[in-house]
Protein backbone atom coordinates (compact mmCIF):
# COMPACT_ATOMS: atom_id res chain seq x y z
CA MET A 1 -113.63 -135.08 1.28
CA ILE A 2 -114.11 -134.74 -2.42
CA ARG A 3 -117.35 -136.74 -2.31
CA LEU A 4 -118.74 -134.62 0.47
CA ARG A 5 -118.03 -131.47 -1.45
CA ILE A 6 -119.75 -132.80 -4.55
CA ALA A 7 -122.79 -133.84 -2.51
CA ALA A 8 -122.97 -130.44 -0.89
CA LEU A 9 -122.81 -128.68 -4.23
CA PHE A 10 -125.54 -130.90 -5.61
CA ALA A 11 -127.78 -130.25 -2.65
CA LEU A 12 -127.27 -126.53 -3.02
CA TRP A 13 -128.18 -126.63 -6.71
CA LEU A 14 -131.32 -128.67 -6.03
CA THR A 15 -132.51 -126.30 -3.32
CA GLY A 16 -132.07 -123.40 -5.70
CA SER A 17 -134.19 -125.16 -8.34
CA LEU A 18 -137.04 -125.78 -5.89
CA LEU A 19 -136.99 -122.18 -4.75
CA CYS A 20 -137.23 -120.98 -8.34
CA ALA A 21 -140.20 -123.24 -9.10
CA SER A 22 -142.26 -122.19 -6.06
CA GLN A 23 -141.95 -118.52 -6.99
CA ALA A 24 -142.85 -118.93 -10.66
CA SER A 25 -145.12 -116.10 -11.80
CA ALA A 26 -146.94 -115.06 -14.94
CA ALA A 27 -148.99 -111.99 -15.78
CA THR A 28 -152.70 -112.32 -15.04
CA THR A 29 -155.45 -110.09 -16.37
CA CYS A 30 -159.13 -110.05 -15.42
CA SER A 31 -162.15 -108.40 -17.00
CA ALA A 32 -165.92 -108.40 -16.56
CA THR A 33 -169.01 -107.54 -18.56
CA LEU A 34 -172.48 -106.95 -17.15
CA SER A 35 -175.62 -106.83 -19.26
CA SER A 36 -178.14 -104.03 -18.82
CA LEU A 37 -180.65 -104.41 -16.01
CA VAL A 38 -183.95 -104.04 -17.85
CA PHE A 39 -187.13 -103.91 -15.77
CA GLY A 40 -189.37 -103.28 -18.78
CA SER A 41 -192.92 -102.12 -18.12
CA THR A 42 -193.18 -101.59 -14.38
CA ASP A 43 -196.33 -101.99 -12.31
CA VAL A 44 -195.62 -99.55 -9.50
CA THR A 45 -198.48 -100.89 -7.37
CA GLY A 46 -196.35 -103.95 -6.53
CA TYR A 47 -192.80 -105.29 -6.72
CA THR A 48 -191.07 -105.59 -10.10
CA ALA A 49 -188.00 -107.82 -10.42
CA ALA A 50 -185.36 -108.22 -13.13
CA THR A 51 -181.92 -109.79 -13.49
CA ALA A 52 -178.69 -109.01 -15.34
CA SER A 53 -175.87 -111.38 -16.29
CA LEU A 54 -172.29 -110.83 -15.17
CA SER A 55 -169.40 -112.64 -16.88
CA VAL A 56 -165.92 -112.63 -15.28
CA THR A 57 -162.81 -113.88 -17.12
CA CYS A 58 -159.24 -114.14 -15.84
CA THR A 59 -156.32 -115.14 -18.09
CA THR A 60 -152.79 -116.09 -17.05
CA SER A 61 -149.93 -116.22 -19.55
CA ALA A 62 -147.78 -119.36 -19.86
CA LEU A 63 -145.58 -120.35 -16.91
CA PRO A 64 -142.08 -121.89 -17.20
CA GLN A 65 -143.81 -125.21 -16.62
CA SER A 66 -147.42 -126.26 -16.09
CA GLY A 67 -148.96 -124.84 -12.95
CA ASN A 68 -152.07 -123.18 -11.59
CA ALA A 69 -153.43 -119.79 -10.66
CA LYS A 70 -155.66 -118.59 -7.86
CA VAL A 71 -157.38 -115.22 -8.12
CA LYS A 72 -159.48 -113.27 -5.63
CA LEU A 73 -161.63 -110.53 -7.18
CA CYS A 74 -163.98 -107.82 -5.94
CA LEU A 75 -166.58 -106.44 -8.32
CA GLY A 76 -168.09 -103.24 -7.00
CA ILE A 77 -171.07 -101.18 -8.11
CA GLY A 78 -171.18 -97.59 -6.88
CA LYS A 79 -174.04 -95.29 -5.88
CA ALA A 80 -174.63 -97.74 -3.07
CA ALA A 81 -177.43 -95.78 -1.46
CA ASP A 82 -180.52 -97.56 -0.22
CA PRO A 83 -182.56 -97.06 -2.24
CA ARG A 84 -180.82 -96.32 -5.50
CA ALA A 85 -182.86 -94.23 -7.93
CA MET A 86 -183.49 -93.90 -11.66
CA LEU A 87 -184.55 -90.62 -13.26
CA ASN A 88 -186.88 -89.82 -16.15
CA ALA A 89 -186.60 -86.90 -18.58
CA THR A 90 -188.45 -84.54 -16.23
CA GLY A 91 -186.35 -85.42 -13.19
CA ASP A 92 -188.84 -87.68 -11.42
CA THR A 93 -187.31 -90.54 -9.45
CA LEU A 94 -188.06 -94.25 -9.39
CA ASN A 95 -186.45 -96.11 -6.51
CA PHE A 96 -184.85 -99.52 -6.96
CA GLN A 97 -182.09 -101.68 -5.56
CA MET A 98 -179.52 -104.20 -6.80
CA TYR A 99 -178.64 -107.34 -4.88
CA GLN A 100 -176.14 -110.19 -4.93
CA ASN A 101 -178.73 -112.84 -4.06
CA ALA A 102 -182.22 -113.91 -5.04
CA ALA A 103 -183.45 -113.34 -1.48
CA TYR A 104 -182.79 -109.58 -1.92
CA SER A 105 -180.92 -109.50 1.38
CA THR A 106 -177.39 -108.50 0.28
CA ILE A 107 -177.09 -105.17 -1.51
CA TRP A 108 -174.45 -105.10 -4.24
CA GLY A 109 -172.12 -102.32 -3.13
CA SER A 110 -168.60 -101.16 -3.83
CA SER A 111 -166.57 -100.64 -0.66
CA LEU A 112 -164.88 -103.73 0.73
CA GLY A 113 -164.81 -103.37 4.50
CA SER A 114 -167.97 -101.26 4.68
CA ALA A 115 -171.18 -102.53 6.22
CA PRO A 116 -171.78 -106.11 5.01
CA ALA A 117 -174.96 -105.08 3.21
CA ASN A 118 -172.95 -102.81 0.91
CA GLU A 119 -169.94 -104.91 0.00
CA PRO A 120 -168.89 -105.71 -3.56
CA LEU A 121 -169.34 -109.17 -4.99
CA GLN A 122 -166.32 -111.29 -4.03
CA VAL A 123 -165.20 -114.02 -6.43
CA ASP A 124 -162.55 -116.75 -6.21
CA LEU A 125 -161.15 -118.33 -9.38
CA ASP A 126 -158.86 -121.39 -9.49
CA TYR A 127 -157.62 -122.77 -12.80
CA ALA A 128 -154.79 -124.67 -14.48
CA VAL A 129 -152.07 -122.86 -16.44
CA PRO A 130 -150.57 -125.14 -19.15
CA ILE A 131 -146.92 -124.54 -20.02
CA SER A 132 -147.47 -123.71 -23.67
CA THR A 133 -150.76 -121.84 -23.83
CA GLY A 134 -151.37 -120.31 -20.45
CA GLY A 135 -154.76 -120.70 -18.78
CA SER A 136 -158.02 -118.92 -18.16
CA SER A 137 -161.33 -119.25 -16.39
CA THR A 138 -164.74 -117.67 -16.98
CA ARG A 139 -167.57 -117.56 -14.45
CA GLY A 140 -171.09 -116.29 -14.68
CA TYR A 141 -173.05 -114.55 -11.92
CA THR A 142 -176.49 -112.99 -11.60
CA LEU A 143 -177.36 -109.48 -10.48
CA TYR A 144 -180.84 -109.27 -8.94
CA GLY A 145 -182.76 -106.02 -9.27
CA ARG A 146 -186.05 -105.05 -7.66
CA ILE A 147 -188.34 -102.03 -7.74
CA PRO A 148 -190.58 -101.65 -4.65
CA PRO A 149 -194.18 -100.36 -4.83
CA GLN A 150 -194.37 -96.62 -5.56
CA VAL A 151 -197.95 -95.71 -6.38
CA SER A 152 -197.08 -92.02 -6.73
CA ALA A 153 -194.39 -92.63 -9.38
CA ALA A 154 -194.78 -90.57 -12.54
CA ALA A 155 -195.19 -92.08 -15.99
CA GLY A 156 -192.06 -92.08 -18.13
CA ILE A 157 -188.89 -93.88 -19.19
CA TYR A 158 -186.39 -94.12 -16.35
CA THR A 159 -182.64 -94.77 -16.56
CA ASP A 160 -179.60 -94.95 -14.33
CA SER A 161 -176.12 -95.34 -15.83
CA TYR A 162 -173.15 -97.04 -14.18
CA PHE A 163 -170.18 -96.17 -16.34
CA GLY A 164 -166.77 -94.70 -15.59
CA ASN A 165 -165.88 -94.93 -11.91
CA ASN A 166 -169.33 -96.19 -10.95
CA THR A 167 -168.05 -99.76 -11.24
CA ASP A 168 -164.70 -101.29 -10.37
CA LEU A 169 -162.96 -104.64 -10.63
CA ALA A 170 -159.96 -105.16 -8.33
CA PHE A 171 -158.03 -108.40 -7.89
CA GLN A 172 -154.93 -110.10 -6.52
CA TYR A 173 -153.48 -113.36 -7.81
CA ASN A 174 -150.88 -116.02 -7.10
CA THR A 175 -149.44 -118.62 -9.47
CA SER A 176 -147.35 -121.73 -8.84
CA THR A 177 -145.65 -124.54 -10.74
CA SER A 178 -145.01 -126.56 -7.58
CA GLY A 179 -148.19 -127.63 -5.87
CA GLU A 180 -151.26 -125.51 -5.41
CA ALA A 181 -150.93 -121.75 -5.44
CA ALA A 182 -152.28 -119.99 -2.35
CA TYR A 183 -155.31 -117.74 -2.56
CA PRO A 184 -154.53 -114.08 -1.86
CA VAL A 185 -155.78 -112.82 1.49
CA SER A 186 -158.23 -110.49 -0.26
CA CYS A 187 -158.72 -108.71 -3.55
CA THR A 188 -156.35 -106.00 -2.29
CA ALA A 189 -153.66 -107.94 -0.38
CA GLY A 190 -151.75 -111.20 -0.17
CA GLY A 191 -150.79 -111.64 -3.80
CA THR A 192 -149.75 -109.82 -6.93
CA ALA A 193 -152.00 -106.84 -7.68
CA GLY A 194 -153.74 -106.93 -11.03
CA THR A 195 -154.76 -103.97 -13.15
CA THR A 196 -158.16 -102.61 -12.11
CA SER A 197 -160.92 -102.15 -14.67
CA THR A 198 -164.61 -101.30 -14.97
CA PHE A 199 -167.71 -103.03 -16.33
CA GLY A 200 -170.24 -100.31 -17.13
CA PHE A 201 -173.94 -101.04 -17.59
CA GLU A 202 -177.32 -99.33 -17.59
CA VAL A 203 -180.56 -99.75 -15.65
CA THR A 204 -183.87 -99.00 -17.39
CA SER A 205 -187.56 -99.11 -16.55
CA THR A 206 -190.76 -97.81 -18.12
CA VAL A 207 -193.67 -96.67 -15.97
CA PRO A 208 -196.63 -96.69 -18.36
CA ALA A 209 -199.23 -93.96 -18.50
CA SER A 210 -202.52 -94.99 -16.92
CA CYS A 211 -205.96 -93.64 -16.09
CA GLU A 212 -209.04 -95.09 -14.46
CA PHE A 213 -212.53 -93.74 -13.89
CA SER A 214 -213.57 -92.99 -10.34
CA SER A 215 -217.13 -91.70 -10.73
CA ALA A 216 -219.59 -89.77 -12.91
CA THR A 217 -222.67 -87.93 -11.65
CA ASP A 218 -225.95 -87.76 -13.53
CA LEU A 219 -226.90 -84.53 -15.27
CA SER A 220 -230.45 -83.60 -14.32
CA PHE A 221 -232.36 -80.67 -15.81
CA GLY A 222 -235.15 -80.99 -13.24
CA SER A 223 -238.94 -80.97 -13.67
CA HIS A 224 -240.92 -78.39 -15.64
CA ALA A 225 -244.59 -77.74 -16.18
CA GLY A 226 -245.72 -77.75 -19.77
CA PRO A 227 -243.52 -76.94 -22.75
CA ILE A 228 -239.91 -75.87 -22.21
CA ALA A 229 -240.32 -72.13 -22.51
CA SER A 230 -236.92 -71.04 -21.20
CA ALA A 231 -233.44 -72.49 -21.44
CA GLN A 232 -232.38 -74.90 -18.71
CA ASP A 233 -228.81 -75.29 -17.45
CA ASN A 234 -227.14 -77.66 -15.01
CA THR A 235 -223.86 -79.45 -14.42
CA SER A 236 -222.46 -82.88 -13.67
CA SER A 237 -218.91 -84.10 -13.12
CA VAL A 238 -216.61 -86.87 -14.27
CA THR A 239 -213.85 -87.92 -11.88
CA MET A 240 -210.82 -90.02 -12.80
CA ILE A 241 -207.38 -90.83 -11.46
CA CYS A 242 -204.44 -90.67 -13.87
CA ARG A 243 -200.84 -91.49 -13.05
CA ASN A 244 -198.63 -88.47 -12.50
CA ARG A 245 -197.51 -86.90 -15.82
CA THR A 246 -199.99 -88.95 -17.86
CA ALA A 247 -201.36 -86.74 -20.65
CA TRP A 248 -205.06 -87.45 -21.17
CA ASN A 249 -208.04 -86.52 -23.36
CA LEU A 250 -211.59 -86.84 -22.04
CA GLY A 251 -214.31 -87.24 -24.67
CA LEU A 252 -218.12 -87.46 -24.59
CA ASP A 253 -220.04 -89.14 -27.39
CA ASN A 254 -223.34 -87.88 -28.85
CA GLY A 255 -225.47 -90.25 -26.81
CA GLN A 256 -227.93 -92.92 -27.86
CA ASN A 257 -230.57 -90.70 -29.44
CA HIS A 258 -228.59 -88.14 -31.40
CA ASP A 259 -229.68 -86.78 -34.75
CA GLY A 260 -226.44 -86.11 -36.58
CA GLY A 261 -224.46 -83.86 -34.27
CA THR A 262 -227.47 -82.94 -32.11
CA ARG A 263 -227.84 -84.73 -28.78
CA ARG A 264 -231.39 -85.61 -27.75
CA MET A 265 -233.15 -87.06 -24.72
CA ARG A 266 -235.99 -89.45 -25.56
CA LEU A 267 -239.39 -90.05 -24.01
CA GLY A 268 -239.37 -93.82 -23.44
CA SER A 269 -239.57 -95.61 -26.79
CA THR A 270 -241.62 -92.88 -28.45
CA GLY A 271 -240.58 -90.51 -31.18
CA ASN A 272 -240.57 -87.52 -28.83
CA TYR A 273 -237.25 -85.87 -28.01
CA VAL A 274 -235.76 -82.94 -26.10
CA GLY A 275 -232.60 -81.51 -27.61
CA TYR A 276 -229.67 -80.58 -25.38
CA GLN A 277 -225.99 -79.64 -25.53
CA LEU A 278 -222.85 -80.36 -23.47
CA PHE A 279 -219.98 -77.91 -23.00
CA ARG A 280 -216.53 -77.76 -21.42
CA ASP A 281 -217.03 -74.21 -20.10
CA SER A 282 -219.66 -72.31 -18.16
CA SER A 283 -220.03 -69.76 -20.98
CA HIS A 284 -221.17 -72.53 -23.33
CA ASN A 285 -218.59 -71.62 -25.95
CA LEU A 286 -216.62 -74.89 -26.03
CA ALA A 287 -218.72 -77.81 -27.20
CA TRP A 288 -217.78 -81.17 -25.71
CA GLY A 289 -217.31 -84.00 -28.15
CA SER A 290 -215.04 -86.98 -28.77
CA THR A 291 -212.60 -85.74 -31.43
CA ILE A 292 -209.14 -85.51 -29.89
CA GLY A 293 -207.48 -82.19 -30.59
CA THR A 294 -210.81 -80.57 -31.47
CA ASP A 295 -213.47 -80.80 -28.77
CA THR A 296 -212.21 -82.99 -25.92
CA ALA A 297 -211.05 -81.89 -22.49
CA THR A 298 -207.31 -82.28 -21.95
CA GLY A 299 -205.01 -82.41 -18.99
CA THR A 300 -202.13 -84.14 -17.25
CA GLY A 301 -202.47 -86.63 -14.45
CA THR A 302 -201.30 -85.89 -10.93
CA GLY A 303 -201.74 -89.30 -9.35
CA SER A 304 -204.77 -87.98 -7.45
CA ALA A 305 -208.45 -87.71 -8.33
CA GLN A 306 -209.25 -85.05 -10.95
CA SER A 307 -212.82 -83.90 -11.62
CA GLN A 308 -214.04 -82.32 -14.84
CA THR A 309 -217.29 -80.34 -14.87
CA VAL A 310 -219.78 -81.02 -17.66
CA TYR A 311 -221.99 -78.02 -18.46
CA GLY A 312 -225.40 -79.02 -19.81
CA HIS A 313 -227.81 -76.76 -21.68
CA VAL A 314 -231.39 -77.34 -22.89
CA PRO A 315 -232.46 -74.68 -25.43
CA ALA A 316 -235.80 -72.93 -24.96
CA SER A 317 -238.95 -73.25 -27.08
CA GLN A 318 -239.30 -77.02 -27.19
CA ASN A 319 -242.97 -78.00 -27.19
CA VAL A 320 -242.97 -81.68 -26.24
CA PRO A 321 -245.37 -83.99 -24.36
CA ALA A 322 -245.02 -84.38 -20.61
CA GLY A 323 -242.91 -87.27 -19.38
CA SER A 324 -239.42 -88.37 -18.38
CA TYR A 325 -236.78 -87.83 -21.04
CA ASN A 326 -233.41 -89.59 -20.83
CA ASP A 327 -230.19 -90.19 -22.69
CA THR A 328 -226.95 -92.06 -21.97
CA ILE A 329 -223.53 -90.59 -22.70
CA THR A 330 -220.39 -92.70 -23.06
CA VAL A 331 -217.29 -91.14 -21.54
CA THR A 332 -213.91 -92.07 -23.04
CA VAL A 333 -210.49 -91.22 -21.66
CA THR A 334 -207.54 -91.55 -24.02
CA TYR A 335 -203.97 -91.48 -22.71
């Protein structure tokens, strides 16, 4: 009877030791950092892609004896609209989206349990926890960003900030010193809840100013019999397309046959010339030249074609031989 009692007591003590080991627990913390998503100079006539780097680290303090930890995390990014949008200083929008995969098929969202396309990134970590030092694990992940074509986008620097409650890291963990710890059911259940945190970052893009010529019509002063007795006037136009909010200056040089600041049309390769002038207004008060801030036309792009009228004037009393007089003007747009 004495032996049986001793054996029973020993068995009871052993069972208690095993129960204590299987429930061993140590505090676990997790944090994340995400680099800025920088698109750089964006060609809005096509797709522009960029990536950002996410680093996730979990650390478990020392256990009573060596063991392991299993952590299930959810890393959410808010504003999970499709599309997301950046803003410039004047309030214009530039649409973009952030994804969990390089195929751009899974939007990186924030609400676990919402539509699959808008779920947060879910991460599992499994690592050893030495008795004396504790353990940790760090993983890296990639965020994939893409801007779709938006030909009407305005020029400017665009940003979108994800700080404060616009990001969230939630996790659950289990630790064990007897065999493998079990993974929590999710990042919100099935383990010990960890302290939530954030991992703020910024998204930036620059849509450069741009202009391109569309057309320019010839300026013809017509045909005249004999000397030019009376002044002759006519117009032409220069058409260009500049990106919305692109500030531009349109300049005209003095032509190929000018004499100082006087424009001249030339009769073939002879030394005979007809003087003329170009203006920015119908009253002929604003001369048109190529010095920015002085005598160029100015404006701001709209994303659509913009035409500028060139007012030409041939002064009277020019006694020159009959023939065809011509000159070539170079048009320059600065933006």
